[in-house]
Amino acid sequence: MNTYGIINDSEQLRNVTGSWWANADFSRIERIVRSVESELAAVVGNETMQWIATGDGRSSEAWTHAACAVGYMACMRYYRLNDISHQDGGRKVKIDRDNEARPFEWQLARDDRAHLEEYYRALDRLLYALQDVEAFADSDACQQMKRLIVRDSRSLTWLTGIKDSPWTFLRMVPFLAETQDHVQRHYGSAFTPEDFQPTENTDTVNYAAQKATALGAIALMGRRTSLQLMPYAMMQLVESDGGGNQRLQPTEEQLARYLTYLSRDQHYWVNEMKIRRDRDAQYTYLHTPDNRPEDKFIRL
């Protein structure tokens, strides 16, 4: 496991999260920090992480956002592991009954969710900050995006209405690529990904192709992945009137109905794409006579 050193002491961890004690022993959480850094490197690329951790990257906004992402995820994992004391005699709960109280399960769930949301927000800010960084532009993730007809999170938001999130878009890249292959087969041999650019004109064949690709990718992601990977707008998070926190997952029927609607929308836009393709095409019919007596036959 590579060591990047985005966060190296308790004071740095305290500064980015606000919840870790600055005088705490950093060695207790260091292993988790390094693990999260390696997971982040798998997203943005090894060279990008090296740039963030050293030289100019260390003083950039990218480092701040990377440190926030690493810090929140590492702290959440550490807290989960230490809610209960682990000793030779087994697992125990130690608490000062006169001054402390154990949190309820809904409080722990709310705290976990708050850490996860801050983690995802930090990832979004990090990916925005890396857009003009050469090391990130050369990464495998960016090279895959360049082959798509829906190339960034803003285009995905324009086409589908889901919240603009570079992190969500990055997770959708494999599904966008697979759905694009499906759309390309319907489009025909004239399909050229390089010709597709973001457009506000909704009456073009390119818009229809991009719309079908985006909607199909969300439906495909919903069928194949955990709901935790889906955009927040697709989850049901409900707080009770009593101050508690209740998390309601969509039922299988609700999810199946939602994905069916997405698939229907995709099929509509695939058909619309073919209609617009034929409308814009300039056909030359070889069998149409020029009404000249000398052209009585045609050779094929």
C-alpha atoms as a PDB file:
ATOM      1  CA  MET A   1       0.000   0.000   0.000  1.00  0.00           C
ATOM      2  CA  ASN A   2       1.423   3.350  -1.084  1.00  0.00           C
ATOM      3  CA  THR A   3       1.889   6.009   1.605  1.00  0.00           C
ATOM      4  CA  TYR A   4       0.945   9.496   0.390  1.00  0.00           C
ATOM      5  CA  GLY A   5       0.971  11.457   3.641  1.00  0.00           C
ATOM      6  CA  ILE A   6      -2.014  13.721   2.931  1.00  0.00           C
ATOM      7  CA  ILE A   7      -2.614  13.872   6.695  1.00  0.00           C
ATOM      8  CA  ASN A   8       0.375  13.259   9.003  1.00  0.00           C
ATOM      9  CA  ASP A   9      -0.631  14.273  12.530  1.00  0.00           C
ATOM     10  CA  SER A  10      -3.563  14.816  14.841  1.00  0.00           C
ATOM     11  CA  GLU A  11      -3.488  18.599  14.470  1.00  0.00           C
ATOM     12  CA  GLN A  12      -4.040  18.360  10.708  1.00  0.00           C
ATOM     13  CA  LEU A  13      -6.859  15.889  11.264  1.00  0.00           C
ATOM     14  CA  ARG A  14      -8.426  18.209  13.830  1.00  0.00           C
ATOM     15  CA  ASN A  15      -8.217  21.172  11.435  1.00  0.00           C
ATOM     16  CA  VAL A  16     -10.079  19.419   8.606  1.00  0.00           C
ATOM     17  CA  THR A  17     -12.753  17.600  10.644  1.00  0.00           C
ATOM     18  CA  GLY A  18     -13.167  19.590  13.851  1.00  0.00           C
ATOM     19  CA  SER A  19     -13.979  16.409  15.770  1.00  0.00           C
ATOM     20  CA  TRP A  20     -10.574  14.779  16.362  1.00  0.00           C
ATOM     21  CA  TRP A  21      -8.605  15.852  19.429  1.00  0.00           C
ATOM     22  CA  ALA A  22      -5.411  17.699  18.439  1.00  0.00           C
ATOM     23  CA  ASN A  23      -3.496  16.101  21.324  1.00  0.00           C
ATOM     24  CA  ALA A  24      -4.728  12.552  20.575  1.00  0.00           C
ATOM     25  CA  ASP A  25      -2.290   9.811  19.618  1.00  0.00           C
ATOM     26  CA  PHE A  26      -2.267   9.883  15.801  1.00  0.00           C
ATOM     27  CA  SER A  27      -0.852   6.339  15.613  1.00  0.00           C
ATOM     28  CA  ARG A  28      -4.255   5.032  16.752  1.00  0.00           C
ATOM     29  CA  ILE A  29      -5.908   6.213  13.525  1.00  0.00           C
ATOM     30  CA  GLU A  30      -2.939   6.374  11.141  1.00  0.00           C
ATOM     31  CA  ARG A  31      -3.566   2.940   9.616  1.00  0.00           C
ATOM     32  CA  ILE A  32      -7.140   3.912   8.739  1.00  0.00           C
ATOM     33  CA  VAL A  33      -5.964   7.250   7.303  1.00  0.00           C
ATOM     34  CA  ARG A  34      -3.458   5.526   5.030  1.00  0.00           C
ATOM     35  CA  SER A  35      -6.103   3.033   3.898  1.00  0.00           C
ATOM     36  CA  VAL A  36      -8.517   5.832   2.939  1.00  0.00           C
ATOM     37  CA  GLU A  37      -5.722   7.647   1.085  1.00  0.00           C
ATOM     38  CA  SER A  38      -5.069   4.521  -0.993  1.00  0.00           C
ATOM     39  CA  GLU A  39      -8.787   4.237  -1.798  1.00  0.00           C
ATOM     40  CA  LEU A  40      -8.818   7.873  -2.901  1.00  0.00           C
ATOM     41  CA  ALA A  41      -5.772   7.223  -5.122  1.00  0.00           C
ATOM     42  CA  ALA A  42      -7.739   4.470  -6.858  1.00  0.00           C
ATOM     43  CA  VAL A  43     -10.306   7.133  -7.810  1.00  0.00           C
ATOM     44  CA  VAL A  44      -8.120  10.039  -8.955  1.00  0.00           C
ATOM     45  CA  GLY A  45      -4.988   8.099  -9.944  1.00  0.00           C
ATOM     46  CA  ASN A  46      -1.633   7.486  -8.301  1.00  0.00           C
ATOM     47  CA  GLU A  47       0.152  10.356 -10.051  1.00  0.00           C
ATOM     48  CA  THR A  48      -2.599  12.766  -9.052  1.00  0.00           C
ATOM     49  CA  MET A  49      -2.294  11.747  -5.409  1.00  0.00           C
ATOM     50  CA  GLN A  50       1.468  12.183  -5.582  1.00  0.00           C
ATOM     51  CA  TRP A  51       0.938  15.693  -6.958  1.00  0.00           C
ATOM     52  CA  ILE A  52      -1.544  16.541  -4.174  1.00  0.00           C
ATOM     53  CA  ALA A  53       0.779  15.284  -1.433  1.00  0.00           C
ATOM     54  CA  THR A  54       3.955  17.045  -2.618  1.00  0.00           C
ATOM     55  CA  GLY A  55       5.173  20.270  -4.195  1.00  0.00           C
ATOM     56  CA  ASP A  56       2.619  22.705  -5.610  1.00  0.00           C
ATOM     57  CA  GLY A  57      -0.259  20.372  -4.871  1.00  0.00           C
ATOM     58  CA  ARG A  58       0.417  20.560  -1.149  1.00  0.00           C
ATOM     59  CA  SER A  59      -0.438  24.276  -1.105  1.00  0.00           C
ATOM     60  CA  SER A  60      -3.423  24.042  -3.469  1.00  0.00           C
ATOM     61  CA  GLU A  61      -7.146  23.833  -2.834  1.00  0.00           C
ATOM     62  CA  ALA A  62      -6.979  20.238  -4.001  1.00  0.00           C
ATOM     63  CA  TRP A  63      -4.977  19.282  -0.912  1.00  0.00           C
ATOM     64  CA  THR A  64      -7.539  20.911   1.393  1.00  0.00           C
ATOM     65  CA  HIS A  65     -10.409  19.000  -0.212  1.00  0.00           C
ATOM     66  CA  ALA A  66      -8.457  15.721  -0.321  1.00  0.00           C
ATOM     67  CA  ALA A  67      -7.565  16.105   3.367  1.00  0.00           C
ATOM     68  CA  CYS A  68     -11.221  16.745   4.234  1.00  0.00           C
ATOM     69  CA  ALA A  69     -12.348  13.641   2.350  1.00  0.00           C
ATOM     70  CA  VAL A  70      -9.671  11.469   3.969  1.00  0.00           C
ATOM     71  CA  GLY A  71     -10.279  12.940   7.416  1.00  0.00           C
ATOM     72  CA  TYR A  72     -14.059  12.496   7.530  1.00  0.00           C
ATOM     73  CA  MET A  73     -13.994   8.928   6.219  1.00  0.00           C
ATOM     74  CA  ALA A  74     -11.109   7.906   8.509  1.00  0.00           C
ATOM     75  CA  CYS A  75     -12.784   9.395  11.587  1.00  0.00           C
ATOM     76  CA  MET A  76     -16.114   7.700  10.826  1.00  0.00           C
ATOM     77  CA  ARG A  77     -14.425   4.303  10.503  1.00  0.00           C
ATOM     78  CA  TYR A  78     -12.400   4.850  13.657  1.00  0.00           C
ATOM     79  CA  TYR A  79     -15.474   5.880  15.682  1.00  0.00           C
ATOM     80  CA  ARG A  80     -17.396   2.844  14.459  1.00  0.00           C
ATOM     81  CA  LEU A  81     -14.595   0.544  15.577  1.00  0.00           C
ATOM     82  CA  ASN A  82     -14.336   2.169  19.019  1.00  0.00           C
ATOM     83  CA  ASP A  83     -17.954   2.594  20.078  1.00  0.00           C
ATOM     84  CA  ILE A  84     -17.269  -0.553  22.087  1.00  0.00           C
ATOM     85  CA  SER A  85     -14.030  -1.189  23.991  1.00  0.00           C
ATOM     86  CA  HIS A  86     -12.082  -4.228  22.787  1.00  0.00           C
ATOM     87  CA  GLN A  87     -10.079  -6.003  25.488  1.00  0.00           C
ATOM     88  CA  ASP A  88      -8.578  -9.408  26.230  1.00  0.00           C
ATOM     89  CA  GLY A  89     -11.665 -10.336  28.172  1.00  0.00           C
ATOM     90  CA  GLY A  90     -13.990  -9.441  25.313  1.00  0.00           C
ATOM     91  CA  ARG A  91     -15.978  -6.425  24.193  1.00  0.00           C
ATOM     92  CA  LYS A  92     -17.139  -4.012  26.886  1.00  0.00           C
ATOM     93  CA  VAL A  93     -18.913  -0.681  27.215  1.00  0.00           C
ATOM     94  CA  LYS A  94     -17.155   1.774  29.508  1.00  0.00           C
ATOM     95  CA  ILE A  95     -19.083   4.861  30.521  1.00  0.00           C
ATOM     96  CA  ASP A  96     -19.221   7.390  33.331  1.00  0.00           C
ATOM     97  CA  ARG A  97     -22.860   6.973  34.319  1.00  0.00           C
ATOM     98  CA  ASP A  98     -22.881  10.232  36.259  1.00  0.00           C
ATOM     99  CA  ASN A  99     -21.706  12.415  33.371  1.00  0.00           C
ATOM    100  CA  GLU A 100     -22.131  10.425  30.150  1.00  0.00           C
ATOM    101  CA  ALA A 101     -24.820   8.528  28.279  1.00  0.00           C
ATOM    102  CA  ARG A 102     -24.650   6.090  25.407  1.00  0.00           C
ATOM    103  CA  PRO A 103     -26.090   7.469  22.155  1.00  0.00           C
ATOM    104  CA  PHE A 104     -29.210   5.944  20.657  1.00  0.00           C
ATOM    105  CA  GLU A 105     -28.934   3.989  17.412  1.00  0.00           C
ATOM    106  CA  TRP A 106     -30.653   6.764  15.464  1.00  0.00           C
ATOM    107  CA  GLN A 107     -28.058   9.247  16.757  1.00  0.00           C
ATOM    108  CA  LEU A 108     -25.224   6.998  15.577  1.00  0.00           C
ATOM    109  CA  ALA A 109     -26.921   6.590  12.188  1.00  0.00           C
ATOM    110  CA  ARG A 110     -27.354  10.355  11.856  1.00  0.00           C
ATOM    111  CA  ASP A 111     -23.699  10.949  12.768  1.00  0.00           C
ATOM    112  CA  ASP A 112     -22.544   8.341  10.230  1.00  0.00           C
ATOM    113  CA  ARG A 113     -24.679   9.951   7.567  1.00  0.00           C
ATOM    114  CA  ALA A 114     -23.314  13.417   8.371  1.00  0.00           C
ATOM    115  CA  HIS A 115     -19.736  12.136   8.009  1.00  0.00           C
ATOM    116  CA  LEU A 116     -20.571  10.406   4.723  1.00  0.00           C
ATOM    117  CA  GLU A 117     -22.218  13.522   3.315  1.00  0.00           C
ATOM    118  CA  GLU A 118     -19.183  15.644   4.210  1.00  0.00           C
ATOM    119  CA  TYR A 119     -16.959  12.987   2.610  1.00  0.00           C
ATOM    120  CA  TYR A 120     -18.921  13.078  -0.655  1.00  0.00           C
ATOM    121  CA  ARG A 121     -19.032  16.892  -0.670  1.00  0.00           C
ATOM    122  CA  ALA A 122     -15.261  16.983  -0.207  1.00  0.00           C
ATOM    123  CA  LEU A 123     -14.844  14.527  -3.104  1.00  0.00           C
ATOM    124  CA  ASP A 124     -16.978  16.771  -5.322  1.00  0.00           C
ATOM    125  CA  ARG A 125     -14.901  19.826  -4.411  1.00  0.00           C
ATOM    126  CA  LEU A 126     -11.690  17.859  -4.979  1.00  0.00           C
ATOM    127  CA  LEU A 127     -12.724  16.721  -8.459  1.00  0.00           C
ATOM    128  CA  TYR A 128     -13.692  20.294  -9.384  1.00  0.00           C
ATOM    129  CA  ALA A 129     -10.280  21.515  -8.167  1.00  0.00           C
ATOM    130  CA  LEU A 130      -8.474  18.867 -10.234  1.00  0.00           C
ATOM    131  CA  GLN A 131     -10.082  19.751 -13.565  1.00  0.00           C
ATOM    132  CA  ASP A 132      -7.121  21.854 -14.726  1.00  0.00           C
ATOM    133  CA  VAL A 133      -4.402  19.644 -13.208  1.00  0.00           C
ATOM    134  CA  GLU A 134      -2.338  17.853 -15.857  1.00  0.00           C
ATOM    135  CA  ALA A 135      -1.735  14.750 -13.743  1.00  0.00           C
ATOM    136  CA  PHE A 136      -5.481  14.228 -13.341  1.00  0.00           C
ATOM    137  CA  ALA A 137      -6.170  14.956 -17.018  1.00  0.00           C
ATOM    138  CA  ASP A 138      -3.826  12.072 -17.920  1.00  0.00           C
ATOM    139  CA  SER A 139      -5.438   9.643 -15.454  1.00  0.00           C
ATOM    140  CA  ASP A 140      -7.376   6.579 -16.573  1.00  0.00           C
ATOM    141  CA  ALA A 141     -10.619   8.086 -15.263  1.00  0.00           C
ATOM    142  CA  CYS A 142     -10.298  11.198 -17.449  1.00  0.00           C
ATOM    143  CA  GLN A 143      -9.299   9.174 -20.501  1.00  0.00           C
ATOM    144  CA  GLN A 144     -12.457   7.105 -20.110  1.00  0.00           C
ATOM    145  CA  MET A 145     -14.574  10.262 -19.848  1.00  0.00           C
ATOM    146  CA  LYS A 146     -13.173  11.614 -23.117  1.00  0.00           C
ATOM    147  CA  ARG A 147     -14.607   8.630 -24.999  1.00  0.00           C
ATOM    148  CA  LEU A 148     -18.136   9.375 -23.766  1.00  0.00           C
ATOM    149  CA  ILE A 149     -20.797  11.544 -25.399  1.00  0.00           C
ATOM    150  CA  VAL A 150     -21.850  12.680 -21.886  1.00  0.00           C
ATOM    151  CA  ARG A 151     -18.485  13.888 -20.592  1.00  0.00           C
ATOM    152  CA  ASP A 152     -19.058  15.671 -17.282  1.00  0.00           C
ATOM    153  CA  SER A 153     -21.391  16.055 -14.327  1.00  0.00           C
ATOM    154  CA  ARG A 154     -22.886  19.335 -15.563  1.00  0.00           C
ATOM    155  CA  SER A 155     -24.006  17.680 -18.796  1.00  0.00           C
ATOM    156  CA  LEU A 156     -25.492  14.817 -16.798  1.00  0.00           C
ATOM    157  CA  THR A 157     -27.420  17.301 -14.661  1.00  0.00           C
ATOM    158  CA  TRP A 158     -28.719  19.122 -17.751  1.00  0.00           C
ATOM    159  CA  LEU A 159     -29.901  15.857 -19.305  1.00  0.00           C
ATOM    160  CA  THR A 160     -31.429  14.155 -16.252  1.00  0.00           C
ATOM    161  CA  GLY A 161     -32.028  16.771 -13.560  1.00  0.00           C
ATOM    162  CA  ILE A 162     -30.060  14.937 -10.828  1.00  0.00           C
ATOM    163  CA  LYS A 163     -27.854  17.044  -8.567  1.00  0.00           C
ATOM    164  CA  ASP A 164     -24.533  18.120 -10.072  1.00  0.00           C
ATOM    165  CA  SER A 165     -21.925  15.830  -8.510  1.00  0.00           C
ATOM    166  CA  PRO A 166     -18.569  14.956 -10.128  1.00  0.00           C
ATOM    167  CA  TRP A 167     -18.261  12.018  -7.728  1.00  0.00           C
ATOM    168  CA  THR A 168     -21.622  10.571  -8.824  1.00  0.00           C
ATOM    169  CA  PHE A 169     -20.636  11.097 -12.462  1.00  0.00           C
ATOM    170  CA  LEU A 170     -17.323   9.304 -11.925  1.00  0.00           C
ATOM    171  CA  ARG A 171     -19.136   6.302 -10.455  1.00  0.00           C
ATOM    172  CA  MET A 172     -21.439   6.281 -13.486  1.00  0.00           C
ATOM    173  CA  VAL A 173     -18.687   6.248 -16.143  1.00  0.00           C
ATOM    174  CA  PRO A 174     -18.753   2.434 -16.689  1.00  0.00           C
ATOM    175  CA  PHE A 175     -22.552   2.494 -16.996  1.00  0.00           C
ATOM    176  CA  LEU A 176     -22.458   5.465 -19.368  1.00  0.00           C
ATOM    177  CA  ALA A 177     -19.947   3.611 -21.553  1.00  0.00           C
ATOM    178  CA  GLU A 178     -22.098   0.475 -21.708  1.00  0.00           C
ATOM    179  CA  THR A 179     -25.276   2.415 -22.446  1.00  0.00           C
ATOM    180  CA  GLN A 180     -23.456   4.444 -25.095  1.00  0.00           C
ATOM    181  CA  ASP A 181     -22.574   1.205 -26.911  1.00  0.00           C
ATOM    182  CA  HIS A 182     -26.287   0.321 -26.942  1.00  0.00           C
ATOM    183  CA  VAL A 183     -27.225   3.752 -28.323  1.00  0.00           C
ATOM    184  CA  GLN A 184     -24.464   3.551 -30.925  1.00  0.00           C
ATOM    185  CA  ARG A 185     -25.843   0.285 -32.313  1.00  0.00           C
ATOM    186  CA  HIS A 186     -29.211   1.985 -32.849  1.00  0.00           C
ATOM    187  CA  TYR A 187     -27.628   5.106 -34.323  1.00  0.00           C
ATOM    188  CA  GLY A 188     -25.603   3.332 -36.993  1.00  0.00           C
ATOM    189  CA  SER A 189     -22.170   3.629 -38.559  1.00  0.00           C
ATOM    190  CA  ALA A 190     -22.292   7.451 -38.635  1.00  0.00           C
ATOM    191  CA  PHE A 191     -22.029   7.572 -34.835  1.00  0.00           C
ATOM    192  CA  THR A 192     -18.858   9.515 -33.917  1.00  0.00           C
ATOM    193  CA  PRO A 193     -18.385  10.304 -30.192  1.00  0.00           C
ATOM    194  CA  GLU A 194     -15.961  13.159 -30.962  1.00  0.00           C
ATOM    195  CA  ASP A 195     -18.768  15.058 -32.729  1.00  0.00           C
ATOM    196  CA  PHE A 196     -20.924  15.226 -29.607  1.00  0.00           C
ATOM    197  CA  GLN A 197     -20.670  18.466 -27.647  1.00  0.00           C
ATOM    198  CA  PRO A 198     -22.835  19.878 -24.835  1.00  0.00           C
ATOM    199  CA  THR A 199     -25.779  21.687 -26.384  1.00  0.00           C
ATOM    200  CA  GLU A 200     -28.809  23.592 -25.168  1.00  0.00           C
ATOM    201  CA  ASN A 201     -30.647  22.902 -28.432  1.00  0.00           C
ATOM    202  CA  THR A 202     -33.069  20.120 -27.551  1.00  0.00           C
ATOM    203  CA  ASP A 203     -34.156  19.548 -31.164  1.00  0.00           C
ATOM    204  CA  THR A 204     -30.975  17.859 -32.392  1.00  0.00           C
ATOM    205  CA  VAL A 205     -30.102  14.210 -32.924  1.00  0.00           C
ATOM    206  CA  ASN A 206     -27.067  14.627 -30.641  1.00  0.00           C
ATOM    207  CA  TYR A 207     -29.254  15.800 -27.768  1.00  0.00           C
ATOM    208  CA  ALA A 208     -31.541  12.794 -28.185  1.00  0.00           C
ATOM    209  CA  ALA A 209     -28.561  10.404 -28.205  1.00  0.00           C
ATOM    210  CA  GLN A 210     -27.069  12.016 -25.084  1.00  0.00           C
ATOM    211  CA  LYS A 211     -30.455  11.954 -23.337  1.00  0.00           C
ATOM    212  CA  ALA A 212     -30.921   8.244 -24.081  1.00  0.00           C
ATOM    213  CA  THR A 213     -27.400   7.477 -22.845  1.00  0.00           C
ATOM    214  CA  ALA A 214     -27.781   9.400 -19.571  1.00  0.00           C
ATOM    215  CA  LEU A 215     -31.183   7.952 -18.670  1.00  0.00           C
ATOM    216  CA  GLY A 216     -30.117   4.428 -19.573  1.00  0.00           C
ATOM    217  CA  ALA A 217     -26.967   4.711 -17.436  1.00  0.00           C
ATOM    218  CA  ILE A 218     -28.964   5.672 -14.326  1.00  0.00           C
ATOM    219  CA  ALA A 219     -31.350   2.761 -14.875  1.00  0.00           C
ATOM    220  CA  LEU A 220     -28.433   0.378 -15.385  1.00  0.00           C
ATOM    221  CA  MET A 221     -26.683   1.640 -12.254  1.00  0.00           C
ATOM    222  CA  GLY A 222     -29.871   1.179 -10.243  1.00  0.00           C
ATOM    223  CA  ARG A 223     -30.250  -2.429 -11.348  1.00  0.00           C
ATOM    224  CA  ARG A 224     -26.645  -3.445 -10.687  1.00  0.00           C
ATOM    225  CA  THR A 225     -25.376  -1.546  -7.644  1.00  0.00           C
ATOM    226  CA  SER A 226     -26.231  -0.891  -4.033  1.00  0.00           C
ATOM    227  CA  LEU A 227     -28.650   1.927  -3.309  1.00  0.00           C
ATOM    228  CA  GLN A 228     -25.876   3.563  -1.269  1.00  0.00           C
ATOM    229  CA  LEU A 229     -24.077   4.348  -4.525  1.00  0.00           C
ATOM    230  CA  MET A 230     -27.091   6.040  -6.069  1.00  0.00           C
ATOM    231  CA  PRO A 231     -27.571   9.846  -6.038  1.00  0.00           C
ATOM    232  CA  TYR A 232     -29.013  11.175  -2.770  1.00  0.00           C
ATOM    233  CA  ALA A 233     -32.149  12.335  -4.573  1.00  0.00           C
ATOM    234  CA  MET A 234     -33.026   8.694  -5.192  1.00  0.00           C
ATOM    235  CA  MET A 235     -32.933   7.791  -1.485  1.00  0.00           C
ATOM    236  CA  GLN A 236     -35.620   8.321   1.122  1.00  0.00           C
ATOM    237  CA  LEU A 237     -34.243   9.915   4.287  1.00  0.00           C
ATOM    238  CA  VAL A 238     -36.988  10.837   6.737  1.00  0.00           C
ATOM    239  CA  GLU A 239     -36.685  12.421  10.188  1.00  0.00           C
ATOM    240  CA  SER A 240     -39.439  11.659  12.686  1.00  0.00           C
ATOM    241  CA  ASP A 241     -41.403  14.419  14.404  1.00  0.00           C
ATOM    242  CA  GLY A 242     -40.082  13.276  17.780  1.00  0.00           C
ATOM    243  CA  GLY A 243     -36.543  14.375  17.034  1.00  0.00           C
ATOM    244  CA  GLY A 244     -35.423  10.869  16.183  1.00  0.00           C
ATOM    245  CA  ASN A 245     -34.093   9.733  12.863  1.00  0.00           C
ATOM    246  CA  GLN A 246     -35.716   7.054  10.757  1.00  0.00           C
ATOM    247  CA  ARG A 247     -34.194   5.955   7.477  1.00  0.00           C
ATOM    248  CA  LEU A 248     -36.657   4.468   5.027  1.00  0.00           C
ATOM    249  CA  GLN A 249     -35.373   2.484   2.084  1.00  0.00           C
ATOM    250  CA  PRO A 250     -37.489   2.443  -1.083  1.00  0.00           C
ATOM    251  CA  THR A 251     -39.438  -0.787  -1.396  1.00  0.00           C
ATOM    252  CA  GLU A 252     -38.577  -3.200  -4.192  1.00  0.00           C
ATOM    253  CA  GLU A 253     -41.827  -2.240  -5.902  1.00  0.00           C
ATOM    254  CA  GLN A 254     -41.003   1.475  -5.761  1.00  0.00           C
ATOM    255  CA  LEU A 255     -37.485   0.923  -7.064  1.00  0.00           C
ATOM    256  CA  ALA A 256     -38.662  -1.376  -9.862  1.00  0.00           C
ATOM    257  CA  ARG A 257     -41.300   1.165 -10.906  1.00  0.00           C
ATOM    258  CA  TYR A 258     -38.765   3.998 -10.909  1.00  0.00           C
ATOM    259  CA  LEU A 259     -36.284   2.011 -13.007  1.00  0.00           C
ATOM    260  CA  THR A 260     -39.082   1.018 -15.386  1.00  0.00           C
ATOM    261  CA  TYR A 261     -39.929   4.686 -15.924  1.00  0.00           C
ATOM    262  CA  LEU A 262     -36.275   5.433 -16.649  1.00  0.00           C
ATOM    263  CA  SER A 263     -36.067   2.567 -19.146  1.00  0.00           C
ATOM    264  CA  ARG A 264     -39.235   3.768 -20.896  1.00  0.00           C
ATOM    265  CA  ASP A 265     -37.805   7.264 -21.144  1.00  0.00           C
ATOM    266  CA  GLN A 266     -34.611   5.841 -22.595  1.00  0.00           C
ATOM    267  CA  HIS A 267     -36.515   3.862 -25.239  1.00  0.00           C
ATOM    268  CA  TYR A 268     -38.459   6.990 -26.175  1.00  0.00           C
ATOM    269  CA  TRP A 269     -35.261   8.986 -26.710  1.00  0.00           C
ATOM    270  CA  VAL A 270     -33.634   6.169 -28.697  1.00  0.00           C
ATOM    271  CA  ASN A 271     -36.603   6.241 -31.079  1.00  0.00           C
ATOM    272  CA  GLU A 272     -36.528  10.035 -31.137  1.00  0.00           C
ATOM    273  CA  MET A 273     -32.815   9.882 -31.991  1.00  0.00           C
ATOM    274  CA  LYS A 274     -33.500   7.646 -35.006  1.00  0.00           C
ATOM    275  CA  ILE A 275     -36.312   9.914 -36.194  1.00  0.00           C
ATOM    276  CA  ARG A 276     -34.064  12.984 -36.007  1.00  0.00           C
ATOM    277  CA  ARG A 277     -31.175  11.116 -37.633  1.00  0.00           C
ATOM    278  CA  ASP A 278     -33.358  10.223 -40.624  1.00  0.00           C
ATOM    279  CA  ARG A 279     -34.794  13.737 -40.743  1.00  0.00           C
ATOM    280  CA  ASP A 280     -31.358  15.320 -40.960  1.00  0.00           C
ATOM    281  CA  ALA A 281     -29.839  12.773 -43.356  1.00  0.00           C
ATOM    282  CA  GLN A 282     -29.282  13.615 -47.029  1.00  0.00           C
ATOM    283  CA  TYR A 283     -30.131  10.498 -49.004  1.00  0.00           C
ATOM    284  CA  THR A 284     -29.273   9.827 -52.650  1.00  0.00           C
ATOM    285  CA  TYR A 285     -31.539   7.168 -54.131  1.00  0.00           C
ATOM    286  CA  LEU A 286     -29.699   5.368 -56.897  1.00  0.00           C
ATOM    287  CA  HIS A 287     -32.870   3.863 -58.300  1.00  0.00           C
ATOM    288  CA  THR A 288     -34.543   7.243 -58.856  1.00  0.00           C
ATOM    289  CA  PRO A 289     -34.417   8.152 -62.592  1.00  0.00           C
ATOM    290  CA  ASP A 290     -33.256  11.563 -63.755  1.00  0.00           C
ATOM    291  CA  ASN A 291     -36.006  11.488 -66.370  1.00  0.00           C
ATOM    292  CA  ARG A 292     -33.466  11.201 -69.172  1.00  0.00           C
ATOM    293  CA  PRO A 293     -34.136   8.742 -72.020  1.00  0.00           C
ATOM    294  CA  GLU A 294     -30.507   7.574 -72.117  1.00  0.00           C
ATOM    295  CA  ASP A 295     -30.620   6.535 -68.458  1.00  0.00           C
ATOM    296  CA  LYS A 296     -32.958   3.573 -68.780  1.00  0.00           C
ATOM    297  CA  PHE A 297     -30.846   1.193 -66.711  1.00  0.00           C
ATOM    298  CA  ILE A 298     -28.709   1.279 -63.611  1.00  0.00           C
ATOM    299  CA  ARG A 299     -25.701  -0.838 -62.701  1.00  0.00           C
ATOM    300  CA  LEU A 300     -25.341  -1.932 -59.099  1.00  0.00           C
END
